[in-house]
Every structure is written in structure tokens, then in C-alpha cells.
PDB file of N, CA and C in Angstrom:
ATOM      1  N   UNK A   1       0.835  -1.177   0.000  1.00  0.00           N
ATOM      2  CA  UNK A   1       0.000   0.000   0.000  1.00  0.00           C
ATOM      3  C   UNK A   1       0.885   1.247   0.000  1.00  0.00           C
ATOM      4  N   UNK A   2       0.507   2.233  -0.778  1.00  0.00           N
ATOM      5  CA  UNK A   2       1.277   3.466  -0.876  1.00  0.00           C
ATOM      6  C   UNK A   2       0.991   4.381   0.309  1.00  0.00           C
ATOM      7  N   UNK A   3       2.031   5.075   0.760  1.00  0.00           N
ATOM      8  CA  UNK A   3       1.839   6.075   1.809  1.00  0.00           C
ATOM      9  C   UNK A   3       1.203   7.318   1.188  1.00  0.00           C
ATOM     10  N   UNK A   4       0.759   8.215   2.035  1.00  0.00           N
ATOM     11  CA  UNK A   4       0.154   9.461   1.561  1.00  0.00           C
ATOM     12  C   UNK A   4       1.129  10.240   0.685  1.00  0.00           C
ATOM     13  N   UNK A   5       2.397  10.286   1.095  1.00  0.00           N
ATOM     14  CA  UNK A   5       3.403  11.003   0.311  1.00  0.00           C
ATOM     15  C   UNK A   5       3.607  10.346  -1.044  1.00  0.00           C
ATOM     16  N   UNK A   6       3.688   9.032  -1.064  1.00  0.00           N
ATOM     17  CA  UNK A   6       3.912   8.330  -2.324  1.00  0.00           C
ATOM     18  C   UNK A   6       2.746   8.508  -3.282  1.00  0.00           C
ATOM     19  N   UNK A   7       1.540   8.610  -2.764  1.00  0.00           N
ATOM     20  CA  UNK A   7       0.364   8.803  -3.611  1.00  0.00           C
ATOM     21  C   UNK A   7       0.379  10.162  -4.292  1.00  0.00           C
ATOM     22  N   UNK A   8       1.052  11.112  -3.688  1.00  0.00           N
ATOM     23  CA  UNK A   8       1.010  12.483  -4.185  1.00  0.00           C
ATOM     24  C   UNK A   8       2.364  12.978  -4.680  1.00  0.00           C
ATOM     25  N   UNK A   9       3.209  12.060  -5.117  1.00  0.00           N
ATOM     26  CA  UNK A   9       4.530  12.454  -5.602  1.00  0.00           C
ATOM     27  C   UNK A   9       4.406  13.314  -6.859  1.00  0.00           C
ATOM     28  N   UNK A  10       5.353  14.213  -7.000  1.00  0.00           N
ATOM     29  CA  UNK A  10       5.471  15.019  -8.210  1.00  0.00           C
ATOM     30  C   UNK A  10       6.557  14.418  -9.088  1.00  0.00           C
ATOM     31  N   UNK A  11       6.563  14.831 -10.324  1.00  0.00           N
ATOM     32  CA  UNK A  11       7.659  14.487 -11.227  1.00  0.00           C
ATOM     33  C   UNK A  11       8.481  15.755 -11.393  1.00  0.00           C
ATOM     34  N   UNK A  12       9.747  15.664 -11.022  1.00  0.00           N
ATOM     35  CA  UNK A  12      10.626  16.822 -11.038  1.00  0.00           C
ATOM     36  C   UNK A  12      11.630  16.727 -12.171  1.00  0.00           C
ATOM     37  N   UNK A  13      11.870  17.846 -12.829  1.00  0.00           N
ATOM     38  CA  UNK A  13      12.983  17.945 -13.765  1.00  0.00           C
ATOM     39  C   UNK A  13      14.208  18.253 -12.908  1.00  0.00           C
ATOM     40  N   UNK A  14      15.115  17.303 -12.779  1.00  0.00           N
ATOM     41  CA  UNK A  14      16.279  17.496 -11.925  1.00  0.00           C
ATOM     42  C   UNK A  14      17.062  18.713 -12.389  1.00  0.00           C
ATOM     43  N   UNK A  15      17.375  18.761 -13.660  1.00  0.00           N
ATOM     44  CA  UNK A  15      17.949  19.978 -14.241  1.00  0.00           C
ATOM     45  C   UNK A  15      16.761  20.791 -14.743  1.00  0.00           C
ATOM     46  N   UNK A  16      16.493  21.941 -14.129  1.00  0.00           N
ATOM     47  CA  UNK A  16      15.246  22.668 -14.391  1.00  0.00           C
ATOM     48  C   UNK A  16      15.102  23.170 -15.828  1.00  0.00           C
ATOM     49  N   UNK A  17      13.848  23.225 -16.254  1.00  0.00           N
ATOM     50  CA  UNK A  17      13.539  23.765 -17.572  1.00  0.00           C
ATOM     51  C   UNK A  17      13.569  25.281 -17.563  1.00  0.00           C
ATOM     52  N   UNK A  18      13.114  25.878 -16.524  1.00  0.00           N
ATOM     53  CA  UNK A  18      13.040  27.317 -16.310  1.00  0.00           C
ATOM     54  C   UNK A  18      12.132  27.982 -17.344  1.00  0.00           C
ATOM     55  N   UNK A  19      10.960  28.336 -16.901  1.00  0.00           N
ATOM     56  CA  UNK A  19      10.030  29.074 -17.764  1.00  0.00           C
ATOM     57  C   UNK A  19      10.263  30.563 -17.565  1.00  0.00           C
ATOM     58  N   UNK A  20      10.293  31.272 -18.658  1.00  0.00           N
ATOM     59  CA  UNK A  20      10.509  32.707 -18.587  1.00  0.00           C
ATOM     60  C   UNK A  20       9.303  33.369 -17.942  1.00  0.00           C
ATOM     61  N   UNK A  21       9.507  34.398 -17.111  1.00  0.00           N
ATOM     62  CA  UNK A  21       8.398  35.056 -16.406  1.00  0.00           C
ATOM     63  C   UNK A  21       7.308  35.519 -17.369  1.00  0.00           C
ATOM     64  N   UNK A  22       6.068  35.190 -17.027  1.00  0.00           N
ATOM     65  CA  UNK A  22       4.923  35.598 -17.829  1.00  0.00           C
ATOM     66  C   UNK A  22       4.817  34.903 -19.168  1.00  0.00           C
ATOM     67  N   UNK A  23       5.518  33.797 -19.327  1.00  0.00           N
ATOM     68  CA  UNK A  23       5.543  33.107 -20.602  1.00  0.00           C
ATOM     69  C   UNK A  23       5.498  31.605 -20.391  1.00  0.00           C
ATOM     70  N   UNK A  24       5.102  30.891 -21.418  1.00  0.00           N
ATOM     71  CA  UNK A  24       5.159  29.438 -21.384  1.00  0.00           C
ATOM     72  C   UNK A  24       6.412  28.921 -22.076  1.00  0.00           C
ATOM     73  N   UNK A  25       7.255  29.844 -22.525  1.00  0.00           N
ATOM     74  CA  UNK A  25       8.486  29.494 -23.225  1.00  0.00           C
ATOM     75  C   UNK A  25       9.495  28.956 -22.210  1.00  0.00           C
ATOM     76  N   UNK A  26      10.098  27.832 -22.535  1.00  0.00           N
ATOM     77  CA  UNK A  26      11.086  27.219 -21.658  1.00  0.00           C
ATOM     78  C   UNK A  26      12.485  27.648 -22.074  1.00  0.00           C
ATOM     79  N   UNK A  27      13.300  27.965 -21.074  1.00  0.00           N
ATOM     80  CA  UNK A  27      14.665  28.405 -21.337  1.00  0.00           C
ATOM     81  C   UNK A  27      15.561  27.246 -21.777  1.00  0.00           C
ATOM     82  N   UNK A  28      15.275  26.038 -21.284  1.00  0.00           N
ATOM     83  CA  UNK A  28      16.089  24.862 -21.614  1.00  0.00           C
ATOM     84  C   UNK A  28      15.197  23.703 -22.064  1.00  0.00           C
ATOM     85  N   UNK A  29      14.572  23.818 -23.221  1.00  0.00           N
ATOM     86  CA  UNK A  29      13.667  22.749 -23.656  1.00  0.00           C
ATOM     87  C   UNK A  29      14.378  21.414 -23.874  1.00  0.00           C
ATOM     88  N   UNK A  30      15.681  21.444 -24.102  1.00  0.00           N
ATOM     89  CA  UNK A  30      16.429  20.199 -24.305  1.00  0.00           C
ATOM     90  C   UNK A  30      16.478  19.339 -23.037  1.00  0.00           C
ATOM     91  N   UNK A  31      16.144  19.930 -21.896  1.00  0.00           N
ATOM     92  CA  UNK A  31      16.134  19.182 -20.632  1.00  0.00           C
ATOM     93  C   UNK A  31      14.830  18.436 -20.389  1.00  0.00           C
ATOM     94  N   UNK A  32      13.866  18.628 -21.252  1.00  0.00           N
ATOM     95  CA  UNK A  32      12.567  17.961 -21.088  1.00  0.00           C
ATOM     96  C   UNK A  32      12.654  16.542 -21.640  1.00  0.00           C
ATOM     97  N   UNK A  33      13.395  15.687 -20.923  1.00  0.00           N
ATOM     98  CA  UNK A  33      13.600  14.305 -21.331  1.00  0.00           C
ATOM     99  C   UNK A  33      13.235  13.371 -20.183  1.00  0.00           C
ATOM    100  N   UNK A  34      12.959  12.142 -20.521  1.00  0.00           N
ATOM    101  CA  UNK A  34      12.626  11.135 -19.505  1.00  0.00           C
ATOM    102  C   UNK A  34      13.802  10.946 -18.548  1.00  0.00           C
ATOM    103  N   UNK A  35      15.012  11.003 -19.056  1.00  0.00           N
ATOM    104  CA  UNK A  35      16.196  10.808 -18.210  1.00  0.00           C
ATOM    105  C   UNK A  35      16.355  11.898 -17.153  1.00  0.00           C
ATOM    106  N   UNK A  36      15.733  13.040 -17.364  1.00  0.00           N
ATOM    107  CA  UNK A  36      15.838  14.170 -16.444  1.00  0.00           C
ATOM    108  C   UNK A  36      14.665  14.217 -15.461  1.00  0.00           C
ATOM    109  N   UNK A  37      13.786  13.243 -15.500  1.00  0.00           N
ATOM    110  CA  UNK A  37      12.606  13.219 -14.628  1.00  0.00           C
ATOM    111  C   UNK A  37      12.793  12.221 -13.491  1.00  0.00           C
ATOM    112  N   UNK A  38      12.501  12.680 -12.275  1.00  0.00           N
ATOM    113  CA  UNK A  38      12.603  11.820 -11.103  1.00  0.00           C
ATOM    114  C   UNK A  38      11.486  12.159 -10.129  1.00  0.00           C
ATOM    115  N   UNK A  39      11.080  11.200  -9.289  1.00  0.00           N
ATOM    116  CA  UNK A  39      10.027  11.473  -8.312  1.00  0.00           C
ATOM    117  C   UNK A  39      10.511  12.444  -7.243  1.00  0.00           C
ATOM    118  N   UNK A  40       9.593  13.252  -6.779  1.00  0.00           N
ATOM    119  CA  UNK A  40       9.886  14.222  -5.730  1.00  0.00           C
ATOM    120  C   UNK A  40       8.630  14.430  -4.897  1.00  0.00           C
ATOM    121  N   UNK A  41       8.812  14.621  -3.603  1.00  0.00           N
ATOM    122  CA  UNK A  41       7.642  14.973  -2.799  1.00  0.00           C
ATOM    123  C   UNK A  41       7.226  16.387  -3.204  1.00  0.00           C
ATOM    124  N   UNK A  42       5.948  16.706  -3.072  1.00  0.00           N
ATOM    125  CA  UNK A  42       5.480  18.034  -3.500  1.00  0.00           C
ATOM    126  C   UNK A  42       6.226  19.191  -2.831  1.00  0.00           C
ATOM    127  N   UNK A  43       6.514  19.048  -1.535  1.00  0.00           N
ATOM    128  CA  UNK A  43       7.186  20.136  -0.815  1.00  0.00           C
ATOM    129  C   UNK A  43       8.574  20.401  -1.388  1.00  0.00           C
ATOM    130  N   UNK A  44       9.328  19.341  -1.649  1.00  0.00           N
ATOM    131  CA  UNK A  44      10.677  19.527  -2.212  1.00  0.00           C
ATOM    132  C   UNK A  44      10.610  20.069  -3.633  1.00  0.00           C
ATOM    133  N   UNK A  45       9.696  19.556  -4.424  1.00  0.00           N
ATOM    134  CA  UNK A  45       9.584  20.021  -5.809  1.00  0.00           C
ATOM    135  C   UNK A  45       9.237  21.507  -5.845  1.00  0.00           C
ATOM    136  N   UNK A  46       8.310  21.932  -5.006  1.00  0.00           N
ATOM    137  CA  UNK A  46       7.932  23.344  -4.982  1.00  0.00           C
ATOM    138  C   UNK A  46       9.053  24.217  -4.423  1.00  0.00           C
ATOM    139  N   UNK A  47       9.759  23.736  -3.408  1.00  0.00           N
ATOM    140  CA  UNK A  47      10.858  24.489  -2.807  1.00  0.00           C
ATOM    141  C   UNK A  47      12.027  24.606  -3.793  1.00  0.00           C
ATOM    142  N   UNK A  48      12.334  23.539  -4.493  1.00  0.00           N
ATOM    143  CA  UNK A  48      13.436  23.530  -5.459  1.00  0.00           C
ATOM    144  C   UNK A  48      13.150  24.492  -6.612  1.00  0.00           C
ATOM    145  N   UNK A  49      11.904  24.511  -7.060  1.00  0.00           N
ATOM    146  CA  UNK A  49      11.442  25.391  -8.127  1.00  0.00           C
ATOM    147  C   UNK A  49      12.396  25.332  -9.319  1.00  0.00           C
ATOM    148  N   UNK A  50      13.108  26.392  -9.613  1.00  0.00           N
ATOM    149  CA  UNK A  50      13.971  26.411 -10.800  1.00  0.00           C
ATOM    150  C   UNK A  50      15.456  26.355 -10.436  1.00  0.00           C
ATOM    151  N   UNK A  51      15.754  25.905  -9.216  1.00  0.00           N
ATOM    152  CA  UNK A  51      17.153  25.808  -8.803  1.00  0.00           C
ATOM    153  C   UNK A  51      17.802  24.556  -9.391  1.00  0.00           C
ATOM    154  N   UNK A  52      19.087  24.632  -9.571  1.00  0.00           N
ATOM    155  CA  UNK A  52      19.853  23.434  -9.923  1.00  0.00           C
ATOM    156  C   UNK A  52      19.949  22.572  -8.664  1.00  0.00           C
ATOM    157  N   UNK A  53      20.402  21.354  -8.813  1.00  0.00           N
ATOM    158  CA  UNK A  53      20.570  20.477  -7.659  1.00  0.00           C
ATOM    159  C   UNK A  53      21.575  21.089  -6.681  1.00  0.00           C
ATOM    160  N   UNK A  54      22.651  21.644  -7.192  1.00  0.00           N
ATOM    161  CA  UNK A  54      23.664  22.260  -6.326  1.00  0.00           C
ATOM    162  C   UNK A  54      23.086  23.448  -5.560  1.00  0.00           C
ATOM    163  N   UNK A  55      22.307  24.289  -6.230  1.00  0.00           N
ATOM    164  CA  UNK A  55      21.684  25.436  -5.561  1.00  0.00           C
ATOM    165  C   UNK A  55      20.689  24.974  -4.496  1.00  0.00           C
ATOM    166  N   UNK A  56      19.918  23.945  -4.809  1.00  0.00           N
ATOM    167  CA  UNK A  56      18.941  23.410  -3.862  1.00  0.00           C
ATOM    168  C   UNK A  56      19.649  22.834  -2.641  1.00  0.00           C
ATOM    169  N   UNK A  57      20.727  22.106  -2.867  1.00  0.00           N
ATOM    170  CA  UNK A  57      21.503  21.541  -1.761  1.00  0.00           C
ATOM    171  C   UNK A  57      22.043  22.669  -0.875  1.00  0.00           C
ATOM    172  N   UNK A  58      22.532  23.754  -1.490  1.00  0.00           N
ATOM    173  CA  UNK A  58      23.031  24.901  -0.723  1.00  0.00           C
ATOM    174  C   UNK A  58      21.922  25.525   0.119  1.00  0.00           C
ATOM    175  N   UNK A  59      20.717  25.640  -0.444  1.00  0.00           N
ATOM    176  CA  UNK A  59      19.573  26.183   0.301  1.00  0.00           C
ATOM    177  C   UNK A  59      19.287  25.339   1.536  1.00  0.00           C
ATOM    178  N   UNK A  60      19.293  24.037   1.376  1.00  0.00           N
ATOM    179  CA  UNK A  60      19.017  23.135   2.499  1.00  0.00           C
ATOM    180  C   UNK A  60      20.131  23.235   3.532  1.00  0.00           C
ATOM    181  N   UNK A  61      21.382  23.259   3.068  1.00  0.00           N
ATOM    182  CA  UNK A  61      22.516  23.362   3.992  1.00  0.00           C
ATOM    183  C   UNK A  61      22.472  24.646   4.812  1.00  0.00           C
ATOM    184  N   UNK A  62      21.903  25.700   4.249  1.00  0.00           N
ATOM    185  CA  UNK A  62      21.839  26.990   4.951  1.00  0.00           C
ATOM    186  C   UNK A  62      20.639  27.076   5.897  1.00  0.00           C
ATOM    187  N   UNK A  63      19.795  26.050   5.924  1.00  0.00           N
ATOM    188  CA  UNK A  63      18.594  26.088   6.766  1.00  0.00           C
ATOM    189  C   UNK A  63      18.907  26.275   8.246  1.00  0.00           C
ATOM    190  N   UNK A  64      19.866  25.536   8.769  1.00  0.00           N
ATOM    191  CA  UNK A  64      20.182  25.627  10.196  1.00  0.00           C
ATOM    192  C   UNK A  64      20.742  27.006  10.561  1.00  0.00           C
ATOM    193  N   UNK A  65      21.733  27.528   9.838  1.00  0.00           N
ATOM    194  CA  UNK A  65      22.193  28.886  10.177  1.00  0.00           C
ATOM    195  C   UNK A  65      21.061  29.921  10.113  1.00  0.00           C
ATOM    196  N   UNK A  66      20.152  29.759   9.151  1.00  0.00           N
ATOM    197  CA  UNK A  66      19.021  30.682   9.041  1.00  0.00           C
ATOM    198  C   UNK A  66      18.104  30.549  10.258  1.00  0.00           C
ATOM    199  N   UNK A  67      17.878  29.304  10.690  1.00  0.00           N
ATOM    200  CA  UNK A  67      17.029  29.080  11.867  1.00  0.00           C
ATOM    201  C   UNK A  67      17.653  29.654  13.135  1.00  0.00           C
ATOM    202  N   UNK A  68      18.980  29.574  13.254  1.00  0.00           N
ATOM    203  CA  UNK A  68      19.657  30.087  14.441  1.00  0.00           C
ATOM    204  C   UNK A  68      19.460  31.588  14.613  1.00  0.00           C
ATOM    205  N   UNK A  69      19.037  32.274  13.584  1.00  0.00           N
ATOM    206  CA  UNK A  69      18.789  33.709  13.690  1.00  0.00           C
ATOM    207  C   UNK A  69      17.543  34.019  14.503  1.00  0.00           C
ATOM    208  N   UNK A  70      16.726  33.005  14.774  1.00  0.00           N
ATOM    209  CA  UNK A  70      15.496  33.234  15.531  1.00  0.00           C
ATOM    210  C   UNK A  70      15.662  32.757  16.973  1.00  0.00           C
ATOM    211  N   UNK A  71      15.151  33.548  17.900  1.00  0.00           N
ATOM    212  CA  UNK A  71      15.211  33.185  19.321  1.00  0.00           C
ATOM    213  C   UNK A  71      14.397  31.927  19.589  1.00  0.00           C
ATOM    214  N   UNK A  72      13.304  31.757  18.882  1.00  0.00           N
ATOM    215  CA  UNK A  72      12.460  30.578  19.097  1.00  0.00           C
ATOM    216  C   UNK A  72      13.225  29.292  18.825  1.00  0.00           C
ATOM    217  N   UNK A  73      14.002  29.275  17.760  1.00  0.00           N
ATOM    218  CA  UNK A  73      14.763  28.078  17.434  1.00  0.00           C
ATOM    219  C   UNK A  73      15.863  27.847  18.460  1.00  0.00           C
ATOM    220  N   UNK A  74      16.572  28.912  18.824  1.00  0.00           N
ATOM    221  CA  UNK A  74      17.636  28.769  19.821  1.00  0.00           C
ATOM    222  C   UNK A  74      17.068  28.247  21.138  1.00  0.00           C
ATOM    223  N   UNK A  75      15.885  28.718  21.527  1.00  0.00           N
ATOM    224  CA  UNK A  75      15.246  28.220  22.753  1.00  0.00           C
ATOM    225  C   UNK A  75      14.819  26.766  22.608  1.00  0.00           C
ATOM    226  N   UNK A  76      14.309  26.398  21.447  1.00  0.00           N
ATOM    227  CA  UNK A  76      13.906  25.011  21.223  1.00  0.00           C
ATOM    228  C   UNK A  76      15.111  24.081  21.360  1.00  0.00           C
ATOM    229  N   UNK A  77      16.254  24.498  20.867  1.00  0.00           N
ATOM    230  CA  UNK A  77      17.487  23.718  21.029  1.00  0.00           C
ATOM    231  C   UNK A  77      17.852  23.645  22.509  1.00  0.00           C
ATOM    232  N   UNK A  78      17.843  24.778  23.174  1.00  0.00           N
ATOM    233  CA  UNK A  78      18.248  24.858  24.579  1.00  0.00           C
ATOM    234  C   UNK A  78      17.374  23.986  25.469  1.00  0.00           C
ATOM    235  N   UNK A  79      16.070  23.923  25.190  1.00  0.00           N
ATOM    236  CA  UNK A  79      15.146  23.134  26.004  1.00  0.00           C
ATOM    237  C   UNK A  79      15.045  21.687  25.541  1.00  0.00           C
ATOM    238  N   UNK A  80      15.821  21.321  24.533  1.00  0.00           N
ATOM    239  CA  UNK A  80      15.828  19.935  24.079  1.00  0.00           C
ATOM    240  C   UNK A  80      14.618  19.550  23.241  1.00  0.00           C
ATOM    241  N   UNK A  81      13.917  20.532  22.701  1.00  0.00           N
ATOM    242  CA  UNK A  81      12.736  20.259  21.881  1.00  0.00           C
ATOM    243  C   UNK A  81      13.099  19.892  20.453  1.00  0.00           C
ATOM    244  N   UNK A  82      14.283  20.301  20.035  1.00  0.00           N
ATOM    245  CA  UNK A  82      14.751  20.047  18.683  1.00  0.00           C
ATOM    246  C   UNK A  82      16.123  19.399  18.770  1.00  0.00           C
ATOM    247  N   UNK A  83      16.330  18.379  17.973  1.00  0.00           N
ATOM    248  CA  UNK A  83      17.635  17.739  17.890  1.00  0.00           C
ATOM    249  C   UNK A  83      18.097  17.842  16.444  1.00  0.00           C
ATOM    250  N   UNK A  84      19.241  18.437  16.253  1.00  0.00           N
ATOM    251  CA  UNK A  84      19.776  18.563  14.906  1.00  0.00           C
ATOM    252  C   UNK A  84      20.504  17.273  14.538  1.00  0.00           C
ATOM    253  N   UNK A  85      20.246  16.825  13.351  1.00  0.00           N
ATOM    254  CA  UNK A  85      20.946  15.648  12.828  1.00  0.00           C
ATOM    255  C   UNK A  85      21.506  16.022  11.464  1.00  0.00           C
ATOM    256  N   UNK A  86      22.577  15.404  11.094  1.00  0.00           N
ATOM    257  CA  UNK A  86      23.171  15.678   9.794  1.00  0.00           C
ATOM    258  C   UNK A  86      22.429  14.937   8.705  1.00  0.00           C
ATOM    259  N   UNK A  87      22.754  15.264   7.497  1.00  0.00           N
ATOM    260  CA  UNK A  87      22.203  14.523   6.364  1.00  0.00           C
ATOM    261  C   UNK A  87      23.336  14.253   5.392  1.00  0.00           C
ATOM    262  N   UNK A  88      23.166  13.230   4.596  1.00  0.00           N
ATOM    263  CA  UNK A  88      24.243  12.814   3.698  1.00  0.00           C
ATOM    264  C   UNK A  88      24.330  13.645   2.422  1.00  0.00           C
ATOM    265  N   UNK A  89      23.502  14.670   2.319  1.00  0.00           N
ATOM    266  CA  UNK A  89      23.499  15.579   1.163  1.00  0.00           C
ATOM    267  C   UNK A  89      23.200  14.859  -0.146  1.00  0.00           C
ATOM    268  N   UNK A  90      22.457  13.779  -0.063  1.00  0.00           N
ATOM    269  CA  UNK A  90      22.050  13.027  -1.253  1.00  0.00           C
ATOM    270  C   UNK A  90      20.526  13.020  -1.328  1.00  0.00           C
ATOM    271  N   UNK A  91      20.021  13.254  -2.511  1.00  0.00           N
ATOM    272  CA  UNK A  91      18.595  13.208  -2.741  1.00  0.00           C
ATOM    273  C   UNK A  91      18.193  11.826  -3.215  1.00  0.00           C
ATOM    274  N   UNK A  92      16.916  11.568  -3.152  1.00  0.00           N
ATOM    275  CA  UNK A  92      16.378  10.256  -3.529  1.00  0.00           C
ATOM    276  C   UNK A  92      16.916   9.787  -4.876  1.00  0.00           C
ATOM    277  N   UNK A  93      16.840  10.637  -5.868  1.00  0.00           N
ATOM    278  CA  UNK A  93      17.243  10.232  -7.221  1.00  0.00           C
ATOM    279  C   UNK A  93      18.735   9.938  -7.303  1.00  0.00           C
ATOM    280  N   UNK A  94      19.542  10.513  -6.411  1.00  0.00           N
ATOM    281  CA  UNK A  94      20.972  10.244  -6.410  1.00  0.00           C
ATOM    282  C   UNK A  94      21.281   8.907  -5.737  1.00  0.00           C
ATOM    283  N   UNK A  95      20.476   8.537  -4.761  1.00  0.00           N
ATOM    284  CA  UNK A  95      20.680   7.277  -4.050  1.00  0.00           C
ATOM    285  C   UNK A  95      20.172   6.084  -4.838  1.00  0.00           C
ATOM    286  N   UNK A  96      19.094   6.294  -5.594  1.00  0.00           N
ATOM    287  CA  UNK A  96      18.418   5.174  -6.244  1.00  0.00           C
ATOM    288  C   UNK A  96      18.356   5.319  -7.757  1.00  0.00           C
ATOM    289  N   UNK A  97      19.404   5.871  -8.337  1.00  0.00           N
ATOM    290  CA  UNK A  97      19.440   5.999  -9.801  1.00  0.00           C
ATOM    291  C   UNK A  97      19.385   4.632 -10.434  1.00  0.00           C
ATOM    292  N   UNK A  98      18.582   4.504 -11.448  1.00  0.00           N
ATOM    293  CA  UNK A  98      18.468   3.218 -12.153  1.00  0.00           C
ATOM    294  C   UNK A  98      19.623   3.018 -13.095  1.00  0.00           C
TER     295      UNK A  98
END
């Protein structure tokens, strides 16, 4: 049985097509290939938007420093409400490439 996330997966262009603002014209139509399509959860696909994989990875890596700018996050750490864990910096499609 599929989980809720699996039922609602998006198809992501790993290397983005990039649509020009206010247009349906794609900046990189050559990237619209089956080999460039991989499953993505909706949240990641929407967050990644038109970023490259490297740019998206940088955004995720900067999440903790950005969170530390808020007193709420620092307090959550101090009170043991949040535990930071590392990640291997690999996305699903990189781990399970066919």
C-alpha cells in the first residue's frame, strides 16, 4: 500500500527547464527528457522550483544557520525540543538511480 506522500509524488525535472516570467516558453527545452525526470515529494519540488541540484543543496545546507537567527529556534534547542541531525546531502534520485 502506498503512503500518503507516495500517492502524491510530483515528477521533477532534476535539471530545471526554467520558464521565462509571464511566458510558457522554456529556457532549456532540451532538458525535457525522460532521463531528467525523477520522483519528488510536493514540498521539495515546490521548494526547489527552478534551482539546480547544487543550488537546492546549498539552500538546504543553509537552513540551520538561518534558523539560528530566531530566538524561538535557539530556545527550542536549549530546552531539548529540537535535535539537529546531519544529512548525507544526497537526494532520492541520487541514491536510487536506475
